[in-house]
Every structure is written in structure tokens, then in C-alpha cells.
C-alpha atoms as a PDB file:
ATOM      1  CA  MET A   1      16.139 -65.914 -10.555  1.00  0.00           C
ATOM      2  CA  ALA A   2      17.334 -68.717 -12.346  1.00  0.00           C
ATOM      3  CA  SER A   3      15.689 -71.095 -10.264  1.00  0.00           C
ATOM      4  CA  ASN A   4      12.514 -69.306  -9.544  1.00  0.00           C
ATOM      5  CA  PRO A   5       9.747 -70.923 -10.479  1.00  0.00           C
ATOM      6  CA  VAL A   6       7.959 -67.524 -11.393  1.00  0.00           C
ATOM      7  CA  PHE A   7      10.555 -66.969 -14.093  1.00  0.00           C
ATOM      8  CA  ASP A   8      10.417 -70.639 -15.281  1.00  0.00           C
ATOM      9  CA  ARG A   9       6.872 -70.150 -16.286  1.00  0.00           C
ATOM     10  CA  ILE A  10       8.224 -67.342 -18.943  1.00  0.00           C
ATOM     11  CA  GLU A  11      10.067 -70.235 -20.909  1.00  0.00           C
ATOM     12  CA  LYS A  12       6.951 -72.534 -20.901  1.00  0.00           C
ATOM     13  CA  ASP A  13       4.653 -69.461 -22.017  1.00  0.00           C
ATOM     14  CA  ALA A  14       6.898 -68.364 -24.517  1.00  0.00           C
ATOM     15  CA  ARG A  15       6.310 -71.818 -26.155  1.00  0.00           C
ATOM     16  CA  THR A  16       2.638 -71.754 -25.978  1.00  0.00           C
ATOM     17  CA  GLY A  17       2.597 -68.149 -26.757  1.00  0.00           C
ATOM     18  CA  TYR A  18       1.693 -65.268 -24.794  1.00  0.00           C
ATOM     19  CA  ALA A  19      -0.983 -62.884 -26.486  1.00  0.00           C
ATOM     20  CA  GLY A  20      -2.527 -65.221 -29.370  1.00  0.00           C
ATOM     21  CA  PHE A  21      -1.429 -62.910 -32.130  1.00  0.00           C
ATOM     22  CA  GLY A  22      -2.405 -65.326 -35.106  1.00  0.00           C
ATOM     23  CA  THR A  23      -5.880 -65.029 -36.477  1.00  0.00           C
ATOM     24  CA  ALA A  24      -7.055 -67.042 -38.995  1.00  0.00           C
ATOM     25  CA  PRO A  25      -6.777 -66.020 -42.564  1.00  0.00           C
ATOM     26  CA  ALA A  26      -9.918 -64.224 -44.145  1.00  0.00           C
ATOM     27  CA  GLN A  27     -11.310 -65.924 -46.832  1.00  0.00           C
ATOM     28  CA  GLN A  28     -12.391 -64.918 -50.333  1.00  0.00           C
ATOM     29  CA  THR A  29     -15.744 -64.313 -50.728  1.00  0.00           C
ATOM     30  CA  PRO A  30     -17.592 -62.990 -54.283  1.00  0.00           C
ATOM     31  CA  TYR A  31     -19.126 -59.815 -52.131  1.00  0.00           C
ATOM     32  CA  PRO A  32     -16.588 -57.142 -52.467  1.00  0.00           C
ATOM     33  CA  GLY A  33     -17.139 -55.894 -49.001  1.00  0.00           C
ATOM     34  CA  GLY A  34     -17.577 -59.739 -47.835  1.00  0.00           C
ATOM     35  CA  TYR A  35     -20.030 -60.981 -45.269  1.00  0.00           C
ATOM     36  CA  PRO A  36     -20.787 -59.287 -42.055  1.00  0.00           C
ATOM     37  CA  GLY A  37     -17.646 -59.152 -39.776  1.00  0.00           C
ATOM     38  CA  GLN A  38     -15.372 -60.442 -42.089  1.00  0.00           C
ATOM     39  CA  VAL A  39     -12.009 -58.773 -43.181  1.00  0.00           C
ATOM     40  CA  SER A  40     -12.168 -57.480 -46.577  1.00  0.00           C
ATOM     41  CA  ASP A  41      -9.220 -57.670 -48.953  1.00  0.00           C
ATOM     42  CA  ARG A  42      -8.801 -53.845 -48.962  1.00  0.00           C
ATOM     43  CA  GLN A  43      -8.707 -53.755 -44.907  1.00  0.00           C
ATOM     44  CA  LEU A  44      -6.374 -56.825 -44.926  1.00  0.00           C
ATOM     45  CA  GLN A  45      -4.032 -54.886 -47.023  1.00  0.00           C
ATOM     46  CA  ASP A  46      -4.373 -51.717 -45.025  1.00  0.00           C
ATOM     47  CA  MET A  47      -3.205 -54.445 -41.570  1.00  0.00           C
ATOM     48  CA  TYR A  48      -0.330 -55.329 -43.861  1.00  0.00           C
ATOM     49  CA  ASP A  49       0.726 -51.646 -44.399  1.00  0.00           C
ATOM     50  CA  ARG A  50       0.861 -50.617 -41.132  1.00  0.00           C
ATOM     51  CA  PRO A  51       3.927 -50.607 -39.177  1.00  0.00           C
ATOM     52  CA  SER A  52       5.013 -53.527 -36.950  1.00  0.00           C
ATOM     53  CA  ALA A  53       4.020 -53.288 -33.134  1.00  0.00           C
ATOM     54  CA  GLY A  54       6.796 -52.284 -30.800  1.00  0.00           C
ATOM     55  CA  PRO A  55       6.948 -54.330 -27.330  1.00  0.00           C
ATOM     56  CA  LEU A  56       5.233 -51.133 -25.560  1.00  0.00           C
ATOM     57  CA  ARG A  57       2.032 -51.540 -27.942  1.00  0.00           C
ATOM     58  CA  THR A  58       1.858 -55.354 -27.774  1.00  0.00           C
ATOM     59  CA  GLY A  59       2.521 -55.330 -23.797  1.00  0.00           C
ATOM     60  CA  ARG A  60       5.779 -56.814 -23.475  1.00  0.00           C
ATOM     61  CA  VAL A  61       8.904 -56.507 -21.421  1.00  0.00           C
ATOM     62  CA  THR A  62      11.032 -53.986 -22.508  1.00  0.00           C
ATOM     63  CA  MET A  63      14.528 -52.925 -21.062  1.00  0.00           C
ATOM     64  CA  ASP A  64      13.019 -49.775 -20.502  1.00  0.00           C
ATOM     65  CA  ASP A  65      10.320 -51.414 -18.192  1.00  0.00           C
ATOM     66  CA  VAL A  66      12.997 -53.216 -16.030  1.00  0.00           C
ATOM     67  CA  ILE A  67      15.176 -50.350 -15.827  1.00  0.00           C
ATOM     68  CA  MET A  68      12.402 -48.040 -14.428  1.00  0.00           C
ATOM     69  CA  LYS A  69      11.108 -50.781 -11.908  1.00  0.00           C
ATOM     70  CA  THR A  70      14.335 -51.283 -10.906  1.00  0.00           C
ATOM     71  CA  LEU A  71      14.832 -47.699 -10.104  1.00  0.00           C
ATOM     72  CA  GLY A  72      11.617 -47.418  -8.335  1.00  0.00           C
ATOM     73  CA  LEU A  73      12.060 -50.048  -6.113  1.00  0.00           C
ATOM     74  CA  PHE A  74      15.729 -49.362  -5.249  1.00  0.00           C
ATOM     75  CA  ALA A  75      14.493 -45.974  -4.370  1.00  0.00           C
ATOM     76  CA  ILE A  76      12.072 -47.408  -1.896  1.00  0.00           C
ATOM     77  CA  VAL A  77      14.945 -49.598  -0.123  1.00  0.00           C
ATOM     78  CA  VAL A  78      16.845 -46.517   0.184  1.00  0.00           C
ATOM     79  CA  GLY A  79      14.349 -44.299   1.376  1.00  0.00           C
ATOM     80  CA  VAL A  80      12.879 -46.666   3.963  1.00  0.00           C
ATOM     81  CA  GLY A  81      16.592 -47.788   4.496  1.00  0.00           C
ATOM     82  CA  ALA A  82      17.337 -43.880   5.645  1.00  0.00           C
ATOM     83  CA  ALA A  83      14.350 -43.782   7.761  1.00  0.00           C
ATOM     84  CA  GLY A  84      15.438 -46.946   9.170  1.00  0.00           C
ATOM     85  CA  TRP A  85      18.949 -45.851  10.174  1.00  0.00           C
ATOM     86  CA  VAL A  86      17.347 -42.932  11.712  1.00  0.00           C
ATOM     87  CA  VAL A  87      15.009 -44.599  13.765  1.00  0.00           C
ATOM     88  CA  SER A  88      17.825 -46.809  14.705  1.00  0.00           C
ATOM     89  CA  ASP A  89      19.809 -44.441  15.773  1.00  0.00           C
ATOM     90  CA  SER A  90      17.745 -42.983  18.214  1.00  0.00           C
ATOM     91  CA  ASN A  91      16.230 -46.197  19.566  1.00  0.00           C
ATOM     92  CA  ARG A  92      18.172 -49.393  19.656  1.00  0.00           C
ATOM     93  CA  ALA A  93      15.249 -51.805  20.779  1.00  0.00           C
ATOM     94  CA  LEU A  94      13.092 -50.365  17.733  1.00  0.00           C
ATOM     95  CA  GLY A  95      16.128 -50.772  15.352  1.00  0.00           C
ATOM     96  CA  GLN A  96      16.821 -54.218  16.535  1.00  0.00           C
ATOM     97  CA  MET A  97      12.813 -55.183  16.176  1.00  0.00           C
ATOM     98  CA  PHE A  98      13.669 -53.710  12.505  1.00  0.00           C
ATOM     99  CA  TRP A  99      16.521 -55.787  11.262  1.00  0.00           C
ATOM    100  CA  ILE A 100      15.268 -59.270  12.729  1.00  0.00           C
ATOM    101  CA  GLY A 101      11.639 -58.493  11.627  1.00  0.00           C
ATOM    102  CA  GLY A 102      12.857 -57.400   8.114  1.00  0.00           C
ATOM    103  CA  MET A 103      15.236 -60.376   7.789  1.00  0.00           C
ATOM    104  CA  ILE A 104      12.184 -62.699   8.571  1.00  0.00           C
ATOM    105  CA  GLY A 105       9.752 -61.029   6.971  1.00  0.00           C
ATOM    106  CA  THR A 106      11.664 -60.691   3.519  1.00  0.00           C
ATOM    107  CA  LEU A 107      12.429 -64.314   4.049  1.00  0.00           C
ATOM    108  CA  ILE A 108       8.802 -65.375   3.963  1.00  0.00           C
ATOM    109  CA  LEU A 109       7.533 -62.825   1.871  1.00  0.00           C
ATOM    110  CA  GLY A 110      10.469 -63.858  -0.857  1.00  0.00           C
ATOM    111  CA  LEU A 111       8.806 -67.369  -0.749  1.00  0.00           C
ATOM    112  CA  VAL A 112       5.463 -66.205  -1.704  1.00  0.00           C
ATOM    113  CA  ILE A 113       6.717 -64.219  -4.723  1.00  0.00           C
ATOM    114  CA  ALA A 114       8.498 -66.877  -5.387  1.00  0.00           C
ATOM    115  CA  PHE A 115       5.785 -69.551  -5.554  1.00  0.00           C
ATOM    116  CA  LYS A 116       2.614 -67.631  -6.214  1.00  0.00           C
ATOM    117  CA  LYS A 117       0.713 -68.272  -9.770  1.00  0.00           C
ATOM    118  CA  THR A 118       0.493 -64.668 -10.452  1.00  0.00           C
ATOM    119  CA  ILE A 119       2.761 -61.713 -10.098  1.00  0.00           C
ATOM    120  CA  SER A 120       1.599 -59.718  -7.514  1.00  0.00           C
ATOM    121  CA  VAL A 121       2.779 -55.898  -7.330  1.00  0.00           C
ATOM    122  CA  PRO A 122       1.919 -54.891  -3.591  1.00  0.00           C
ATOM    123  CA  LEU A 123       3.850 -57.690  -2.567  1.00  0.00           C
ATOM    124  CA  ILE A 124       6.724 -56.532  -4.490  1.00  0.00           C
ATOM    125  CA  VAL A 125       6.808 -53.432  -3.097  1.00  0.00           C
ATOM    126  CA  GLY A 126       6.034 -54.624   0.407  1.00  0.00           C
ATOM    127  CA  TYR A 127       9.174 -57.086   0.155  1.00  0.00           C
ATOM    128  CA  ALA A 128      11.324 -53.508  -0.746  1.00  0.00           C
ATOM    129  CA  VAL A 129       9.842 -51.616   2.256  1.00  0.00           C
ATOM    130  CA  LEU A 130      10.703 -54.520   4.596  1.00  0.00           C
ATOM    131  CA  GLU A 131      14.149 -55.106   2.960  1.00  0.00           C
ATOM    132  CA  GLY A 132      14.484 -51.115   3.345  1.00  0.00           C
ATOM    133  CA  LEU A 133      14.243 -51.685   7.450  1.00  0.00           C
ATOM    134  CA  PHE A 134      16.426 -54.525   7.412  1.00  0.00           C
ATOM    135  CA  VAL A 135      19.154 -52.622   5.438  1.00  0.00           C
ATOM    136  CA  GLY A 136      18.846 -49.249   7.724  1.00  0.00           C
ATOM    137  CA  ALA A 137      19.006 -51.046  10.901  1.00  0.00           C
ATOM    138  CA  VAL A 138      21.479 -53.166   9.982  1.00  0.00           C
ATOM    139  CA  SER A 139      23.731 -50.700   8.238  1.00  0.00           C
ATOM    140  CA  ASN A 140      23.420 -48.182  11.391  1.00  0.00           C
ATOM    141  CA  VAL A 141      24.626 -51.345  13.711  1.00  0.00           C
ATOM    142  CA  PHE A 142      27.693 -51.851  11.595  1.00  0.00           C
ATOM    143  CA  ASN A 143      28.205 -48.592  11.639  1.00  0.00           C
ATOM    144  CA  ASP A 144      28.377 -47.811  15.229  1.00  0.00           C
ATOM    145  CA  VAL A 145      30.184 -50.782  16.173  1.00  0.00           C
ATOM    146  CA  TYR A 146      33.041 -51.117  13.256  1.00  0.00           C
ATOM    147  CA  GLY A 147      33.492 -47.639  12.726  1.00  0.00           C
ATOM    148  CA  GLN A 148      32.297 -44.715  10.489  1.00  0.00           C
ATOM    149  CA  GLY A 149      33.109 -45.315   6.872  1.00  0.00           C
ATOM    150  CA  LEU A 150      32.415 -48.669   6.700  1.00  0.00           C
ATOM    151  CA  VAL A 151      28.724 -48.672   5.201  1.00  0.00           C
ATOM    152  CA  ALA A 152      29.781 -45.998   2.458  1.00  0.00           C
ATOM    153  CA  THR A 153      32.637 -48.153   1.703  1.00  0.00           C
ATOM    154  CA  ALA A 154      30.360 -51.214   0.978  1.00  0.00           C
ATOM    155  CA  VAL A 155      27.924 -49.138  -0.993  1.00  0.00           C
ATOM    156  CA  VAL A 156      30.687 -48.236  -3.430  1.00  0.00           C
ATOM    157  CA  ALA A 157      31.741 -51.387  -3.401  1.00  0.00           C
ATOM    158  CA  THR A 158      28.016 -52.885  -4.652  1.00  0.00           C
ATOM    159  CA  LEU A 159      27.587 -50.402  -7.278  1.00  0.00           C
ATOM    160  CA  ALA A 160      31.127 -51.060  -8.520  1.00  0.00           C
ATOM    161  CA  THR A 161      30.770 -54.665  -8.742  1.00  0.00           C
ATOM    162  CA  PHE A 162      27.230 -54.079 -10.254  1.00  0.00           C
ATOM    163  CA  ALA A 163      28.714 -51.828 -13.176  1.00  0.00           C
ATOM    164  CA  GLY A 164      31.493 -54.245 -13.582  1.00  0.00           C
ATOM    165  CA  MET A 165      29.540 -57.436 -13.850  1.00  0.00           C
ATOM    166  CA  PHE A 166      27.127 -55.800 -16.018  1.00  0.00           C
ATOM    167  CA  LEU A 167      30.061 -54.524 -18.592  1.00  0.00           C
ATOM    168  CA  ALA A 168      31.313 -58.010 -18.103  1.00  0.00           C
ATOM    169  CA  TYR A 169      27.999 -59.688 -19.177  1.00  0.00           C
ATOM    170  CA  LYS A 170      27.250 -57.123 -21.829  1.00  0.00           C
ATOM    171  CA  SER A 171      30.798 -57.533 -23.517  1.00  0.00           C
ATOM    172  CA  GLY A 172      30.785 -61.327 -23.201  1.00  0.00           C
ATOM    173  CA  LEU A 173      33.291 -61.737 -20.881  1.00  0.00           C
ATOM    174  CA  ILE A 174      30.895 -63.494 -18.829  1.00  0.00           C
ATOM    175  CA  LYS A 175      28.677 -66.313 -20.650  1.00  0.00           C
ATOM    176  CA  VAL A 176      25.809 -67.337 -18.945  1.00  0.00           C
ATOM    177  CA  THR A 177      25.520 -71.533 -20.291  1.00  0.00           C
ATOM    178  CA  ASP A 178      22.850 -73.758 -19.115  1.00  0.00           C
ATOM    179  CA  LYS A 179      25.813 -75.617 -17.445  1.00  0.00           C
ATOM    180  CA  PHE A 180      27.144 -72.114 -15.574  1.00  0.00           C
ATOM    181  CA  ARG A 181      23.290 -71.417 -14.518  1.00  0.00           C
ATOM    182  CA  ARG A 182      22.954 -75.077 -13.097  1.00  0.00           C
ATOM    183  CA  ILE A 183      26.115 -74.549 -10.932  1.00  0.00           C
ATOM    184  CA  VAL A 184      25.463 -71.363  -9.876  1.00  0.00           C
ATOM    185  CA  THR A 185      22.174 -71.916  -8.563  1.00  0.00           C
ATOM    186  CA  LEU A 186      23.361 -75.124  -6.843  1.00  0.00           C
ATOM    187  CA  MET A 187      25.716 -72.995  -5.043  1.00  0.00           C
ATOM    188  CA  ILE A 188      23.340 -70.440  -3.881  1.00  0.00           C
ATOM    189  CA  PHE A 189      21.050 -73.119  -2.520  1.00  0.00           C
ATOM    190  CA  GLY A 190      24.275 -74.718  -1.074  1.00  0.00           C
ATOM    191  CA  TYR A 191      25.264 -70.868   0.694  1.00  0.00           C
ATOM    192  CA  ALA A 192      21.437 -70.577   1.717  1.00  0.00           C
ATOM    193  CA  ILE A 193      21.711 -73.482   3.852  1.00  0.00           C
ATOM    194  CA  PHE A 194      25.141 -72.603   5.109  1.00  0.00           C
ATOM    195  CA  ALA A 195      23.973 -69.162   6.288  1.00  0.00           C
ATOM    196  CA  VAL A 196      21.077 -70.373   8.078  1.00  0.00           C
ATOM    197  CA  VAL A 197      23.018 -73.040   9.910  1.00  0.00           C
ATOM    198  CA  ASN A 198      25.733 -70.094  10.449  1.00  0.00           C
ATOM    199  CA  PHE A 199      22.938 -67.549  11.635  1.00  0.00           C
ATOM    200  CA  ILE A 200      21.921 -70.085  14.212  1.00  0.00           C
ATOM    201  CA  PHE A 201      25.301 -70.972  15.227  1.00  0.00           C
ATOM    202  CA  ALA A 202      26.264 -67.288  15.789  1.00  0.00           C
ATOM    203  CA  MET A 203      23.115 -66.693  18.036  1.00  0.00           C
ATOM    204  CA  ILE A 204      23.799 -69.959  20.071  1.00  0.00           C
ATOM    205  CA  SER A 205      27.581 -69.302  20.716  1.00  0.00           C
ATOM    206  CA  ASN A 206      26.938 -65.486  20.791  1.00  0.00           C
ATOM    207  CA  THR A 207      29.571 -64.504  18.283  1.00  0.00           C
ATOM    208  CA  PRO A 208      29.283 -61.785  15.684  1.00  0.00           C
ATOM    209  CA  PHE A 209      29.869 -63.839  12.437  1.00  0.00           C
ATOM    210  CA  GLY A 210      29.445 -67.352  13.392  1.00  0.00           C
ATOM    211  CA  PHE A 211      31.952 -69.529  12.128  1.00  0.00           C
ATOM    212  CA  GLY A 212      35.171 -68.520  11.312  1.00  0.00           C
ATOM    213  CA  GLY A 213      34.757 -65.282  13.424  1.00  0.00           C
ATOM    214  CA  THR A 214      37.107 -62.432  11.965  1.00  0.00           C
ATOM    215  CA  GLY A 215      40.086 -64.900  11.496  1.00  0.00           C
ATOM    216  CA  MET A 216      41.150 -65.825   7.798  1.00  0.00           C
ATOM    217  CA  LEU A 217      38.582 -68.627   7.476  1.00  0.00           C
ATOM    218  CA  GLY A 218      35.840 -66.094   8.259  1.00  0.00           C
ATOM    219  CA  ILE A 219      37.520 -63.552   5.907  1.00  0.00           C
ATOM    220  CA  ALA A 220      37.519 -66.795   3.135  1.00  0.00           C
ATOM    221  CA  ILE A 221      34.176 -67.491   3.599  1.00  0.00           C
ATOM    222  CA  SER A 222      33.046 -63.555   3.229  1.00  0.00           C
ATOM    223  CA  ILE A 223      34.989 -63.238  -0.210  1.00  0.00           C
ATOM    224  CA  PHE A 224      33.383 -66.696  -1.223  1.00  0.00           C
ATOM    225  CA  ALA A 225      29.569 -65.011  -0.281  1.00  0.00           C
ATOM    226  CA  VAL A 226      30.704 -61.653  -1.934  1.00  0.00           C
ATOM    227  CA  GLY A 227      31.991 -63.693  -5.315  1.00  0.00           C
ATOM    228  CA  LEU A 228      28.973 -65.824  -5.752  1.00  0.00           C
ATOM    229  CA  ALA A 229      26.317 -62.869  -5.328  1.00  0.00           C
ATOM    230  CA  SER A 230      28.464 -60.894  -7.850  1.00  0.00           C
ATOM    231  CA  VAL A 231      28.201 -64.031 -10.169  1.00  0.00           C
ATOM    232  CA  SER A 232      24.427 -64.052  -9.572  1.00  0.00           C
ATOM    233  CA  LEU A 233      24.191 -60.416 -10.884  1.00  0.00           C
ATOM    234  CA  ALA A 234      24.749 -62.363 -14.531  1.00  0.00           C
ATOM    235  CA  LEU A 235      21.955 -64.571 -13.812  1.00  0.00           C
ATOM    236  CA  ASP A 236      19.779 -61.570 -13.334  1.00  0.00           C
ATOM    237  CA  PHE A 237      21.056 -60.057 -16.524  1.00  0.00           C
ATOM    238  CA  ASP A 238      20.676 -63.229 -18.355  1.00  0.00           C
ATOM    239  CA  ALA A 239      16.669 -63.400 -17.172  1.00  0.00           C
ATOM    240  CA  ILE A 240      16.229 -60.578 -18.346  1.00  0.00           C
ATOM    241  CA  ASP A 241      17.296 -60.865 -21.863  1.00  0.00           C
ATOM    242  CA  ARG A 242      15.328 -63.977 -22.246  1.00  0.00           C
ATOM    243  CA  ALA A 243      12.580 -62.726 -20.818  1.00  0.00           C
ATOM    244  CA  ILE A 244      12.593 -59.958 -23.756  1.00  0.00           C
ATOM    245  CA  ARG A 245      13.709 -62.517 -26.289  1.00  0.00           C
ATOM    246  CA  SER A 246      10.760 -65.032 -25.671  1.00  0.00           C
ATOM    247  CA  GLY A 247       8.294 -61.745 -25.048  1.00  0.00           C
ATOM    248  CA  ALA A 248       7.504 -62.138 -21.717  1.00  0.00           C
ATOM    249  CA  PRO A 249       4.348 -60.250 -20.643  1.00  0.00           C
ATOM    250  CA  GLN A 250       5.260 -56.633 -19.452  1.00  0.00           C
ATOM    251  CA  GLN A 251       3.783 -57.317 -15.665  1.00  0.00           C
ATOM    252  CA  TYR A 252       6.891 -59.815 -15.213  1.00  0.00           C
ATOM    253  CA  SER A 253       9.316 -56.425 -15.611  1.00  0.00           C
ATOM    254  CA  TRP A 254       8.423 -56.639 -11.693  1.00  0.00           C
ATOM    255  CA  LEU A 255       9.562 -59.560 -11.068  1.00  0.00           C
ATOM    256  CA  LEU A 256      12.559 -59.428 -13.221  1.00  0.00           C
ATOM    257  CA  ALA A 257      13.368 -56.069 -11.138  1.00  0.00           C
ATOM    258  CA  HIS A 258      12.625 -57.385  -7.784  1.00  0.00           C
ATOM    259  CA  GLY A 259      15.163 -59.903  -8.377  1.00  0.00           C
ATOM    260  CA  VAL A 260      17.824 -57.621  -9.481  1.00  0.00           C
ATOM    261  CA  ILE A 261      16.894 -55.778  -5.881  1.00  0.00           C
ATOM    262  CA  VAL A 262      17.352 -58.727  -4.022  1.00  0.00           C
ATOM    263  CA  THR A 263      20.649 -59.858  -5.481  1.00  0.00           C
ATOM    264  CA  LEU A 264      21.952 -56.030  -5.047  1.00  0.00           C
ATOM    265  CA  VAL A 265      21.100 -55.993  -1.079  1.00  0.00           C
ATOM    266  CA  TRP A 266      22.734 -59.841  -0.562  1.00  0.00           C
ATOM    267  CA  LEU A 267      26.038 -58.194  -1.933  1.00  0.00           C
ATOM    268  CA  TYR A 268      25.814 -55.207  -0.367  1.00  0.00           C
ATOM    269  CA  ILE A 269      25.276 -57.334   2.940  1.00  0.00           C
ATOM    270  CA  GLU A 270      28.309 -59.598   2.113  1.00  0.00           C
ATOM    271  CA  PHE A 271      30.361 -56.655   1.835  1.00  0.00           C
ATOM    272  CA  LEU A 272      29.504 -55.309   5.089  1.00  0.00           C
ATOM    273  CA  ARG A 273      30.278 -58.509   6.734  1.00  0.00           C
ATOM    274  CA  LEU A 274      33.579 -58.733   4.691  1.00  0.00           C
ATOM    275  CA  LEU A 275      34.779 -55.182   5.369  1.00  0.00           C
ATOM    276  CA  ALA A 276      33.723 -55.788   9.123  1.00  0.00           C
ATOM    277  CA  ARG A 277      35.678 -59.003   9.866  1.00  0.00           C
ATOM    278  CA  MET A 278      38.892 -57.351   7.918  1.00  0.00           C
ATOM    279  CA  ARG A 279      38.550 -54.112  10.305  1.00  0.00           C
ATOM    280  CA  ASP A 280      37.871 -56.175  13.046  1.00  0.00           C
END
């Protein structure tokens, strides 16, 4: 999220104002009721006496918005993932299509969502569907190849890491500064390039994990990837807080929820790879 151009627009919009709440003050007139269409002194006083509008009434992002949309997208990923698991278990060829197609589809759709000038809810929901197919198919493969219990352990480890990072961020144990954000973002870009190269190498060399295999180097790479994905959650939490403070439009809650889900799935996949390497 820190490098997401759509989120970067939140801060830019915050400097210019989202809703244009400012209005010109009413001018005094010799007429008790004012000119036609003009706000009278009495009406102005009534406006001042009203309670302040909350975020929901002004159409701004709230924590509740982000939480509910995150849970909604998470439910889609889990539901579709369960279906992908069942289909993959009964049809290996179709399961392989699911995880390869889901991986490529999420990559393309993720770039479209990130660089699209407007926030498209159908694209974000579609991304969650493709991600669910990918997660379900891949989980089924790991379960069959590396033994039962691996997927459940990865799920528990992912949720526990999420809870731990959230508590660490909220307690101030982890502080997201501009320098911290830049360093983590560069590391994410670097690892993304490595992941692409490693995937190509794994396909060419016909090795399950690519560089390092299941040796100490491979395990060290997976530990680094798990740590990087975990720290990325702090950037997502910071992005949510900054969006709320800047008064971002309510539609941005979809983008923020999407960012959390993407990081969660990434963390889960890295836990799967780490546990598989250790078990193998």
C-alpha cells in the first residue's frame, strides 16, 4: 500500500479537500429574511447549533468500513478457496489451471487496480475470487505433497502473525516512519523481482522451490519472505490510519481492505513454502 499510486492520491486529495465543505459566509442584509436563496441569521444559528457530522454522514473512510469490507473480501477468498480445493482434489488438471490461472490473473488484475484512476469495486471483488481459486488449488497441492496438517499450521501461523503485528503497531512497538516505509517498499520491490526470477528458474530446472531448494539457504529465503510479508502488514495498518486522518472518501475503504487481503494471502503462501521446506 505504501507504493500504491491510488493510495498516494489520498494524501494529494487531502491537501486540496475532498468534499468542499467550505462555504461563503452569509452577508448581512437589511431584510429580516434576507434575499431569496440567502441564508438568514436565524438559519445560520440553527446550522451552528446542530451536532457535528460524523465520518459516516460526510462519506469518509471509517475503521468500521475497512473492517467490514476486509471481512467481506476475506469471506470471498475463503469460500472460493474451499471450492477450488474440492475441485482440485477431484480433478488435478483443472486444479493446476486454477493455481496457474489464478496466479497470472491476480498479477494482471492487481496492476489494473493499482494504476486505475478510479476505484472499481467489481475489479476488487474479482481479484478476491481469482485469489481464492489460487489459494484453494495451491493449498490442496501442498497438503497432498507435504502431508496433512501443513495447511492448518500455515493458516494458524498467518492469523497469529496478523494479530501480533496489529498489537505491535497499535501499542507503538512498531512505528511506521517515512524512512521505514521507503526501506520496506524497496525491499518488497526487490523481493518481487527475485520471486519472478526464482519462479522462472524453478520451472526451467524443475525444482519445487527454485533457489536454495529445501536446504538451509532455501529455509533462510523463506524466513526472510515471511518477515517481509509480516512487516508489510504494518504498512497496511498505517495506510488505513492515514486515510482516516486525511478524511479520504468512503470508497477508499475498498482499496484499503484489498491491500490487507493481498498481504495476508502473501504471508500465508510464504508460510506454506517455509513449512514445506522444513518438512521436506
